[in-house]
Protein backbone atom coordinates (compact mmCIF):
# COMPACT_ATOMS: atom_id res chain seq x y z
CA UNK A 1 0.04 0.01 0.00
CA UNK A 2 2.92 2.39 0.78
CA UNK A 3 4.43 1.76 -2.60
CA UNK A 4 1.07 2.67 -4.40
CA UNK A 5 0.58 5.65 -2.37
CA UNK A 6 4.29 6.83 -3.27
CA UNK A 7 3.56 6.29 -6.93
CA UNK A 8 0.33 8.11 -6.90
CA UNK A 9 2.00 11.02 -5.01
CA UNK A 10 4.75 11.26 -7.55
CA UNK A 11 2.16 11.23 -10.41
CA UNK A 12 0.25 14.08 -8.93
CA UNK A 13 3.64 15.89 -8.54
CA UNK A 14 4.40 15.39 -12.18
CA UNK A 15 0.76 16.42 -13.26
CA UNK A 16 0.98 19.63 -11.24
CA UNK A 17 4.29 20.45 -12.74
CA UNK A 18 2.85 20.08 -16.21
CA UNK A 19 -0.06 22.27 -15.35
CA UNK A 20 2.18 24.99 -13.59
CA UNK A 21 4.80 25.14 -16.27
CA UNK A 22 2.95 24.46 -19.39
CA UNK A 23 5.02 21.35 -20.37
CA UNK A 24 2.94 19.16 -22.70
CA UNK A 25 2.54 15.64 -21.60
CA UNK A 26 4.55 13.10 -23.68
CA UNK A 27 7.08 15.87 -25.00
CA UNK A 28 10.63 16.09 -23.81
CA UNK A 29 12.21 19.47 -23.46
CA UNK A 30 14.79 20.15 -26.13
CA UNK A 31 17.35 22.77 -25.46
CA UNK A 32 17.37 25.74 -27.90
CA UNK A 33 20.38 25.76 -29.94
CA UNK A 34 22.14 29.23 -30.08
CA UNK A 35 21.86 30.78 -33.57
CA UNK A 36 24.06 33.73 -34.53
CA UNK A 37 22.50 37.29 -34.89
CA UNK A 38 22.49 39.46 -37.90
CA UNK A 39 23.57 43.06 -37.49
CA UNK A 40 23.57 46.14 -39.52
CA UNK A 41 26.65 48.24 -40.18
CA UNK A 42 25.70 50.71 -37.49
CA UNK A 43 25.02 47.99 -34.88
CA UNK A 44 21.39 47.53 -34.97
CA UNK A 45 20.27 43.89 -34.24
CA UNK A 46 18.28 42.81 -37.31
CA UNK A 47 17.82 39.31 -36.29
CA UNK A 48 18.46 37.16 -33.08
CA UNK A 49 17.42 34.05 -31.24
CA UNK A 50 15.49 33.90 -27.99
CA UNK A 51 14.14 31.11 -26.09
CA UNK A 52 10.64 31.43 -28.04
CA UNK A 53 12.42 31.30 -31.37
CA UNK A 54 13.76 33.73 -33.98
CA UNK A 55 12.82 37.47 -33.77
CA UNK A 56 13.43 40.43 -35.82
CA UNK A 57 13.73 43.56 -33.58
CA UNK A 58 13.48 46.05 -36.31
CA UNK A 59 10.26 44.59 -37.77
CA UNK A 60 10.07 44.97 -41.57
CA UNK A 61 13.32 46.79 -41.82
CA UNK A 62 15.31 45.06 -44.62
CA UNK A 63 12.85 42.14 -44.24
CA UNK A 64 13.19 40.78 -47.70
CA UNK A 65 17.05 40.85 -47.30
CA UNK A 66 16.87 38.97 -44.03
CA UNK A 67 14.36 36.38 -45.10
CA UNK A 68 13.03 34.16 -42.33
CA UNK A 69 13.45 30.92 -40.32
CA UNK A 70 11.42 27.77 -40.36
CA UNK A 71 11.18 25.31 -37.35
CA UNK A 72 15.04 24.52 -37.60
CA UNK A 73 16.77 26.37 -40.43
CA UNK A 74 16.53 29.44 -42.69
CA UNK A 75 14.04 29.34 -45.50
CA UNK A 76 14.82 32.50 -47.51
CA UNK A 77 17.10 35.53 -47.86
CA UNK A 78 20.19 35.60 -45.62
CA UNK A 79 18.68 33.32 -43.17
CA UNK A 80 18.81 30.76 -45.74
CA UNK A 81 22.11 31.90 -47.62
CA UNK A 82 24.01 31.79 -44.33
CA UNK A 83 22.23 29.09 -42.49
CA UNK A 84 25.29 27.16 -41.89
CA UNK A 85 27.20 29.85 -40.32
CA UNK A 86 24.09 31.10 -38.28
CA UNK A 87 23.40 27.71 -37.09
CA UNK A 88 27.08 27.28 -35.93
CA UNK A 89 26.39 30.38 -33.63
CA UNK A 90 28.38 32.82 -35.85
CA UNK A 91 27.20 36.31 -36.26
CA UNK A 92 26.61 37.99 -39.68
CA UNK A 93 27.38 41.60 -40.03
CA UNK A 94 25.94 43.46 -42.91
CA UNK A 95 26.96 46.62 -44.83
CA UNK A 96 23.46 48.12 -44.58
CA UNK A 97 23.16 51.28 -42.86
CA UNK A 98 19.70 51.09 -40.92
CA UNK A 99 19.15 54.91 -41.26
CA UNK A 100 19.64 54.92 -45.09
CA UNK A 101 17.71 51.75 -45.30
CA UNK A 102 14.88 53.30 -43.33
CA UNK A 103 14.99 56.31 -45.69
CA UNK A 104 14.72 54.13 -48.83
CA UNK A 105 11.86 52.25 -47.61
CA UNK A 106 10.09 55.36 -46.51
CA UNK A 107 10.44 56.88 -49.86
CA UNK A 108 9.06 53.85 -51.55
CA UNK A 109 6.25 53.54 -49.12
CA UNK A 110 5.21 57.08 -49.88
CA UNK A 111 5.67 56.97 -53.82
CA UNK A 112 4.33 53.55 -54.79
CA UNK A 113 0.87 53.79 -53.26
CA UNK A 114 0.55 57.29 -54.50
CA UNK A 115 1.27 56.49 -58.08
CA UNK A 116 -0.79 53.37 -57.86
CA UNK A 117 2.12 51.14 -58.71
CA UNK A 118 2.50 47.38 -57.99
CA UNK A 119 6.00 47.39 -56.33
CA UNK A 120 9.46 49.20 -56.24
CA UNK A 121 13.06 48.69 -55.17
CA UNK A 122 16.05 50.76 -54.27
CA UNK A 123 19.74 50.05 -53.90
CA UNK A 124 22.18 52.60 -52.30
CA UNK A 125 25.95 51.80 -52.71
CA UNK A 126 29.06 53.48 -51.30
CA UNK A 127 31.07 54.48 -54.23
CA UNK A 128 34.55 53.49 -53.60
CA UNK A 129 33.91 50.24 -51.58
CA UNK A 130 30.84 48.94 -53.23
CA UNK A 131 29.15 48.41 -49.90
CA UNK A 132 25.45 48.12 -50.15
CA UNK A 133 24.18 50.87 -47.82
CA UNK A 134 20.46 50.04 -48.62
CA UNK A 135 18.57 47.31 -50.39
CA UNK A 136 14.82 48.24 -50.16
CA UNK A 137 11.63 46.72 -51.53
CA UNK A 138 7.90 47.67 -51.38
CA UNK A 139 5.55 46.37 -50.33
CA UNK A 140 7.00 45.81 -47.00
CA UNK A 141 7.56 42.39 -45.32
CA UNK A 142 7.88 41.63 -41.62
CA UNK A 143 9.72 38.34 -41.08
CA UNK A 144 8.27 38.15 -37.51
CA UNK A 145 4.96 37.37 -39.17
CA UNK A 146 6.10 35.86 -42.46
CA UNK A 147 3.21 33.35 -42.91
CA UNK A 148 0.82 36.36 -43.16
CA UNK A 149 2.62 37.50 -46.26
CA UNK A 150 2.25 36.06 -50.06
CA UNK A 151 5.57 34.98 -51.50
CA UNK A 152 5.77 38.09 -53.76
CA UNK A 153 6.06 40.32 -50.75
CA UNK A 154 9.04 38.24 -49.42
CA UNK A 155 10.90 38.68 -52.49
CA UNK A 156 14.23 40.51 -52.46
CA UNK A 157 13.46 42.54 -55.39
CA UNK A 158 16.61 44.83 -55.65
CA UNK A 159 18.72 41.50 -56.26
CA UNK A 160 16.18 39.22 -57.95
CA UNK A 161 13.76 41.29 -60.20
CA UNK A 162 14.86 41.62 -63.74
CA UNK A 163 13.63 44.53 -65.91
CA UNK A 164 14.58 46.45 -69.05
CA UNK A 165 16.43 49.57 -67.70
CA UNK A 166 15.42 51.85 -70.68
CA UNK A 167 17.11 55.29 -71.14
CA UNK A 168 19.28 54.84 -67.95
CA UNK A 169 21.54 52.94 -70.25
CA UNK A 170 22.17 56.00 -72.37
CA UNK A 171 24.55 57.54 -69.78
CA UNK A 172 26.60 54.32 -69.77
CA UNK A 173 26.64 53.99 -73.59
CA UNK A 174 27.60 57.70 -74.05
CA UNK A 175 30.56 57.15 -71.67
CA UNK A 176 31.71 54.05 -73.61
CA UNK A 177 31.49 56.06 -76.93
CA UNK A 178 33.40 58.87 -75.36
CA UNK A 179 36.07 56.25 -74.20
CA UNK A 180 36.41 54.93 -77.70
CA UNK A 181 36.66 58.34 -79.23
CA UNK A 182 33.47 57.89 -81.20
CA UNK A 183 31.81 61.05 -79.97
CA UNK A 184 32.33 64.24 -77.99
CA UNK A 185 29.81 66.17 -75.90
CA UNK A 186 29.74 68.79 -78.69
CA UNK A 187 29.21 66.43 -81.55
CA UNK A 188 25.98 67.12 -83.55
CA UNK A 189 23.54 64.41 -84.77
CA UNK A 190 20.41 64.68 -87.08
CA UNK A 191 17.49 63.90 -84.70
CA UNK A 192 14.11 63.69 -86.22
CA UNK A 193 11.32 62.48 -84.00
CA UNK A 194 11.49 59.06 -85.75
CA UNK A 195 13.85 57.07 -87.74
CA UNK A 196 13.66 53.51 -89.46
CA UNK A 197 16.67 51.27 -88.40
CA UNK A 198 17.72 47.86 -89.62
CA UNK A 199 17.09 47.73 -93.30
CA UNK A 200 13.92 46.02 -94.73
CA UNK A 201 13.35 43.90 -91.68
CA UNK A 202 14.17 46.67 -89.25
CA UNK A 203 11.95 48.79 -87.15
CA UNK A 204 10.86 52.31 -86.56
CA UNK A 205 12.70 54.16 -83.48
CA UNK A 206 10.50 56.88 -81.93
CA UNK A 207 11.39 59.87 -79.56
CA UNK A 208 8.98 60.68 -76.81
CA UNK A 209 10.07 64.24 -75.89
CA UNK A 210 9.90 67.12 -78.50
CA UNK A 211 13.19 68.35 -79.31
CA UNK A 212 15.29 70.39 -82.02
CA UNK A 213 15.95 68.48 -85.31
CA UNK A 214 19.55 68.27 -84.50
CA UNK A 215 21.12 67.56 -81.01
CA UNK A 216 24.60 67.34 -79.64
CA UNK A 217 25.54 64.35 -77.54
CA UNK A 218 24.76 66.50 -74.32
CA UNK A 219 21.37 67.23 -76.07
CA UNK A 220 20.70 63.51 -76.68
CA UNK A 221 21.08 62.95 -73.00
CA UNK A 222 19.09 66.02 -72.08
CA UNK A 223 16.11 65.19 -74.14
CA UNK A 224 16.67 61.39 -73.84
CA UNK A 225 16.42 60.80 -77.72
CA UNK A 226 16.49 57.23 -78.95
CA UNK A 227 16.89 58.46 -82.43
CA UNK A 228 20.06 60.34 -81.44
CA UNK A 229 21.56 57.27 -79.71
CA UNK A 230 20.96 55.08 -82.77
CA UNK A 231 23.02 57.45 -84.68
CA UNK A 232 25.74 57.69 -82.15
CA UNK A 233 26.27 53.99 -81.98
CA UNK A 234 26.53 53.39 -85.86
CA UNK A 235 30.36 53.33 -85.81
CA UNK A 236 30.41 51.34 -82.62
CA UNK A 237 31.51 47.81 -83.44
CA UNK A 238 29.01 45.33 -81.98
CA UNK A 239 31.65 43.29 -80.17
CA UNK A 240 33.18 46.49 -78.58
CA UNK A 241 29.81 47.98 -77.42
CA UNK A 242 28.63 44.69 -76.13
CA UNK A 243 31.86 44.30 -74.46
CA UNK A 244 31.40 47.54 -72.61
CA UNK A 245 28.04 46.38 -71.32
CA UNK A 246 29.63 43.22 -70.18
CA UNK A 247 32.36 45.00 -68.25
CA UNK A 248 29.51 47.25 -66.67
CA UNK A 249 28.20 43.92 -65.21
CA UNK A 250 25.17 43.29 -67.47
CA UNK A 251 24.51 39.73 -68.63
CA UNK A 252 26.45 38.00 -65.90
CA UNK A 253 25.91 37.37 -62.15
CA UNK A 254 27.12 39.95 -59.80
CA UNK A 255 30.19 38.69 -58.06
CA UNK A 256 28.79 38.66 -54.42
CA UNK A 257 29.24 35.09 -52.97
CA UNK A 258 26.35 33.16 -51.19
CA UNK A 259 23.69 35.99 -51.58
CA UNK A 260 21.13 34.94 -54.24
CA UNK A 261 20.98 37.33 -57.19
CA UNK A 262 19.73 37.33 -60.88
CA UNK A 263 21.86 38.13 -63.88
CA UNK A 264 19.56 39.66 -66.53
CA UNK A 265 20.25 39.08 -70.23
CA UNK A 266 22.42 40.54 -72.99
CA UNK A 267 21.64 39.02 -76.50
CA UNK A 268 24.49 36.96 -77.76
CA UNK A 269 26.81 38.69 -80.26
CA UNK A 270 25.74 36.65 -83.19
CA UNK A 271 22.33 38.42 -82.83
CA UNK A 272 23.90 41.90 -82.74
CA UNK A 273 22.66 43.36 -85.86
CA UNK A 274 21.99 47.22 -86.56
CA UNK A 275 18.79 47.05 -84.88
CA UNK A 276 19.79 45.20 -81.66
CA UNK A 277 22.85 47.52 -81.31
CA UNK A 278 20.51 50.65 -81.58
CA UNK A 279 17.80 49.37 -79.09
CA UNK A 280 20.61 48.36 -76.52
CA UNK A 281 21.84 51.97 -76.82
CA UNK A 282 18.58 53.00 -75.07
CA UNK A 283 18.11 50.01 -72.87
CA UNK A 284 15.55 47.92 -74.75
CA UNK A 285 16.12 44.14 -75.66
CA UNK A 286 18.38 43.75 -72.51
CA UNK A 287 17.72 43.33 -68.94
CA UNK A 288 18.99 44.02 -65.44
CA UNK A 289 18.43 44.05 -61.77
CA UNK A 290 18.54 47.11 -59.68
CA UNK A 291 21.64 45.86 -58.10
CA UNK A 292 23.45 45.56 -61.60
CA UNK A 293 22.27 48.91 -62.71
CA UNK A 294 23.60 50.44 -59.51
CA UNK A 295 26.92 48.62 -59.82
CA UNK A 296 27.22 49.89 -63.37
CA UNK A 297 26.53 53.59 -62.59
CA UNK A 298 28.86 53.12 -59.60
CA UNK A 299 31.45 52.64 -62.14
CA UNK A 300 30.97 56.15 -63.50
CA UNK A 301 30.95 57.47 -60.08
CA UNK A 302 34.16 55.68 -59.12
CA UNK A 303 36.37 57.18 -61.97
CA UNK A 304 35.65 54.42 -64.35
CA UNK A 305 36.64 51.60 -61.97
CA UNK A 306 33.80 48.67 -61.48
CA UNK A 307 33.68 47.41 -57.98
CA UNK A 308 31.51 44.40 -57.13
CA UNK A 309 28.85 45.14 -54.65
CA UNK A 310 29.24 43.95 -51.02
CA UNK A 311 26.42 43.20 -48.53
CA UNK A 312 28.23 41.20 -45.82
CA UNK A 313 31.30 42.45 -44.06
CA UNK A 314 34.24 40.17 -43.92
CA UNK A 315 33.50 38.40 -47.21
CA UNK A 316 36.31 38.12 -49.64
CA UNK A 317 36.73 41.18 -52.06
CA UNK A 318 34.96 40.95 -55.35
CA UNK A 319 35.82 42.02 -58.87
CA UNK A 320 37.61 45.25 -59.52
CA UNK A 321 38.28 46.23 -63.16
CA UNK A 322 38.57 49.36 -65.19
CA UNK A 323 35.67 50.01 -67.65
CA UNK A 324 36.48 53.68 -68.46
CA UNK A 325 39.50 55.93 -68.24
CA UNK A 326 39.17 58.24 -65.20
CA UNK A 327 38.89 61.31 -67.38
CA UNK A 328 36.09 59.74 -69.42
CA UNK A 329 34.14 59.02 -66.18
CA UNK A 330 34.53 62.56 -64.97
CA UNK A 331 33.44 64.01 -68.30
CA UNK A 332 30.32 61.90 -68.32
CA UNK A 333 29.53 62.84 -64.82
CA UNK A 334 29.56 66.45 -65.83
CA UNK A 335 27.24 65.66 -68.65
CA UNK A 336 24.80 63.87 -66.22
CA UNK A 337 24.96 66.71 -63.86
CA UNK A 338 23.82 69.02 -66.68
CA UNK A 339 21.09 66.57 -67.56
CA UNK A 340 19.59 67.20 -64.06
CA UNK A 341 20.31 70.91 -63.77
CA UNK A 342 18.85 71.64 -67.32
CA UNK A 343 16.12 69.03 -67.53
CA UNK A 344 14.63 68.02 -64.13
CA UNK A 345 16.26 70.02 -61.42
CA UNK A 346 12.78 70.10 -59.59
CA UNK A 347 12.40 66.41 -59.71
CA UNK A 348 15.88 65.07 -58.94
CA UNK A 349 18.07 68.04 -58.21
CA UNK A 350 18.72 69.38 -54.54
CA UNK A 351 19.46 72.96 -54.35
CA UNK A 352 23.08 73.74 -53.31
CA UNK A 353 24.33 70.11 -54.06
CA UNK A 354 25.93 68.57 -57.28
CA UNK A 355 23.60 65.74 -58.26
CA UNK A 356 24.02 63.68 -61.48
CA UNK A 357 21.89 61.02 -63.10
CA UNK A 358 19.59 59.71 -65.75
CA UNK A 359 15.95 58.77 -65.97
CA UNK A 360 14.30 55.91 -67.67
CA UNK A 361 10.70 55.01 -68.65
CA UNK A 362 10.68 51.47 -69.89
CA UNK A 363 7.84 49.74 -71.65
CA UNK A 364 7.19 46.32 -70.10
CA UNK A 365 6.72 43.10 -72.30
CA UNK A 366 3.31 41.64 -71.71
CA UNK A 367 2.29 38.53 -73.68
CA UNK A 368 5.24 38.79 -75.93
CA UNK A 369 4.72 42.50 -76.91
CA UNK A 370 5.77 45.85 -75.54
CA UNK A 371 2.74 47.17 -73.70
CA UNK A 372 1.35 50.55 -74.21
CA UNK A 373 0.08 50.81 -70.60
CA UNK A 374 2.63 49.00 -68.36
CA UNK A 375 5.78 50.76 -67.50
CA UNK A 376 8.95 50.63 -65.35
CA UNK A 377 10.03 54.01 -63.76
CA UNK A 378 13.81 54.11 -63.46
CA UNK A 379 16.43 56.42 -62.17
CA UNK A 380 20.20 56.07 -61.53
CA UNK A 381 22.44 58.75 -60.26
CA UNK A 382 25.18 59.62 -57.65
CA UNK A 383 26.35 62.55 -55.63
CA UNK A 384 28.29 64.85 -55.24
CA UNK A 385 28.77 64.80 -59.03
CA UNK A 386 32.45 65.90 -59.02
CA UNK A 387 33.58 63.46 -56.34
CA UNK A 388 30.66 60.88 -55.62
CA UNK A 389 30.49 59.15 -52.34
CA UNK A 390 27.05 57.43 -52.95
CA UNK A 391 25.26 55.76 -55.93
CA UNK A 392 21.47 55.37 -55.90
CA UNK A 393 19.27 53.37 -58.19
CA UNK A 394 15.53 53.35 -58.29
CA UNK A 395 12.93 51.17 -59.94
CA UNK A 396 9.11 51.15 -59.64
CA UNK A 397 6.83 48.86 -61.67
CA UNK A 398 3.51 49.33 -63.13
CA UNK A 399 2.44 52.83 -61.97
CA UNK A 400 -0.83 54.04 -63.20
CA UNK A 401 -0.44 57.67 -62.26
CA UNK A 402 2.52 59.68 -63.44
CA UNK A 403 4.73 56.78 -64.37
CA UNK A 404 7.62 58.55 -66.32
CA UNK A 405 10.98 58.23 -64.66
CA UNK A 406 11.23 61.92 -64.15
CA UNK A 407 7.71 61.89 -62.34
CA UNK A 408 8.27 58.79 -60.09
CA UNK A 409 11.69 57.38 -59.83
CA UNK A 410 13.59 60.71 -59.88
CA UNK A 411 11.78 62.18 -56.76
CA UNK A 412 12.27 58.99 -54.84
CA UNK A 413 16.01 59.33 -55.60
CA UNK A 414 15.73 62.99 -54.38
CA UNK A 415 14.15 62.04 -51.09
CA UNK A 416 16.70 59.46 -50.38
CA UNK A 417 19.61 61.74 -51.35
CA UNK A 418 18.25 64.46 -49.31
CA UNK A 419 18.11 62.22 -46.22
CA UNK A 420 21.76 60.86 -46.78
CA UNK A 421 23.12 64.61 -47.13
CA UNK A 422 21.31 65.51 -43.97
CA UNK A 423 22.74 62.63 -42.17
CA UNK A 424 26.25 63.53 -43.27
CA UNK A 425 25.58 67.21 -42.34
CA UNK A 426 26.82 68.14 -45.84
CA UNK A 427 27.36 71.90 -46.43
CA UNK A 428 26.01 73.18 -49.85
CA UNK A 429 28.76 73.58 -52.26
CA UNK A 430 26.84 75.19 -55.32
CA UNK A 431 26.26 78.90 -55.00
CA UNK A 432 22.85 79.92 -56.04
CA UNK A 433 22.60 81.87 -59.38
CA UNK A 434 22.61 85.55 -59.01
CA UNK A 435 19.24 87.26 -59.49
CA UNK A 436 18.68 88.47 -62.95
CA UNK A 437 18.87 92.31 -63.50
CA UNK A 438 16.01 93.97 -65.04
């Protein structure tokens, strides 16, 4: 009887403990394995483990970059890409600046809904190092509640979405033509509003912005003339022009180990007839990610030197190679500064500061044909123009209201740039123009 009483007593003690501490019957306690944390460059904890599981203290900040955890391992983003290291308890330190990331996400959050667009993305790069200071996507994604979101919201769009970059490519092709000695800023071209290119089986190239019947190379950038670009690249040997686009990083994967990225497309050289050469000169018939476009423009900003983007501190240095002579890059930057100052100062310019860049408004292929209603709004630029520190690229897809690059992507660039300059405490360097005398 005493043995039975003892057994009953112990059973009651166990049952009480299960009720008191919430330990399910039949389940053994499993110790939580320590998983490394993820930090921003400025020390913010972006992901860490607690007894209840994985938490993301900054909520949706850089959510698509971070990805999320399943029951035992990373499922997407950096949680997946660095699962082995994190599972071993190693921390991952990013190049992202939480303040700049916040500014980029906030700018997208204001503009994308306002213009009734589907989604958007931004990359901000540090010019000399290639460090990615921001990689923002909209709509937002909070990895703390990842099951509440569709797969499209979890997508790291700046690294994975592929699109035709449109007229932003003009700045890069002009730089290549200058580098080859095929043009100068003052070279003049015949620029009707439309032109047939490619012989009998060619196509008609159109311009969207009214302009004079002749334009200099500077004017071609100012008015974003497709016709002017088609004339400019006529002496450009296809293998040479395509070679420059490859050096800028198009058509190849970005040299950023472990982190998933897309590579976009460049047509093979055997298909580079007169029409393909012309359309590639204004960013049609090729594709890019926002990360690739930022890296390409960063070569202009970095005195002609391409530097592979970096997202994770401590990873091996990526590719560095010369695309342009330093003097060519500086000359092109001055031209792109004029594009902003003379063309869209209110949309992209910031009073007192040297801003350079180029807009793009790219038709989107829908059902095998270029749509007349679906566009990508794009901007790529850097500042200060004479000695750039930061490169910024913006893409917004499917806006239904004011979808042109100057109306949508450029103001997003301006908002982000204004915040960065404010964080730097940068003093204006450009004196205002003197008032006109009567």
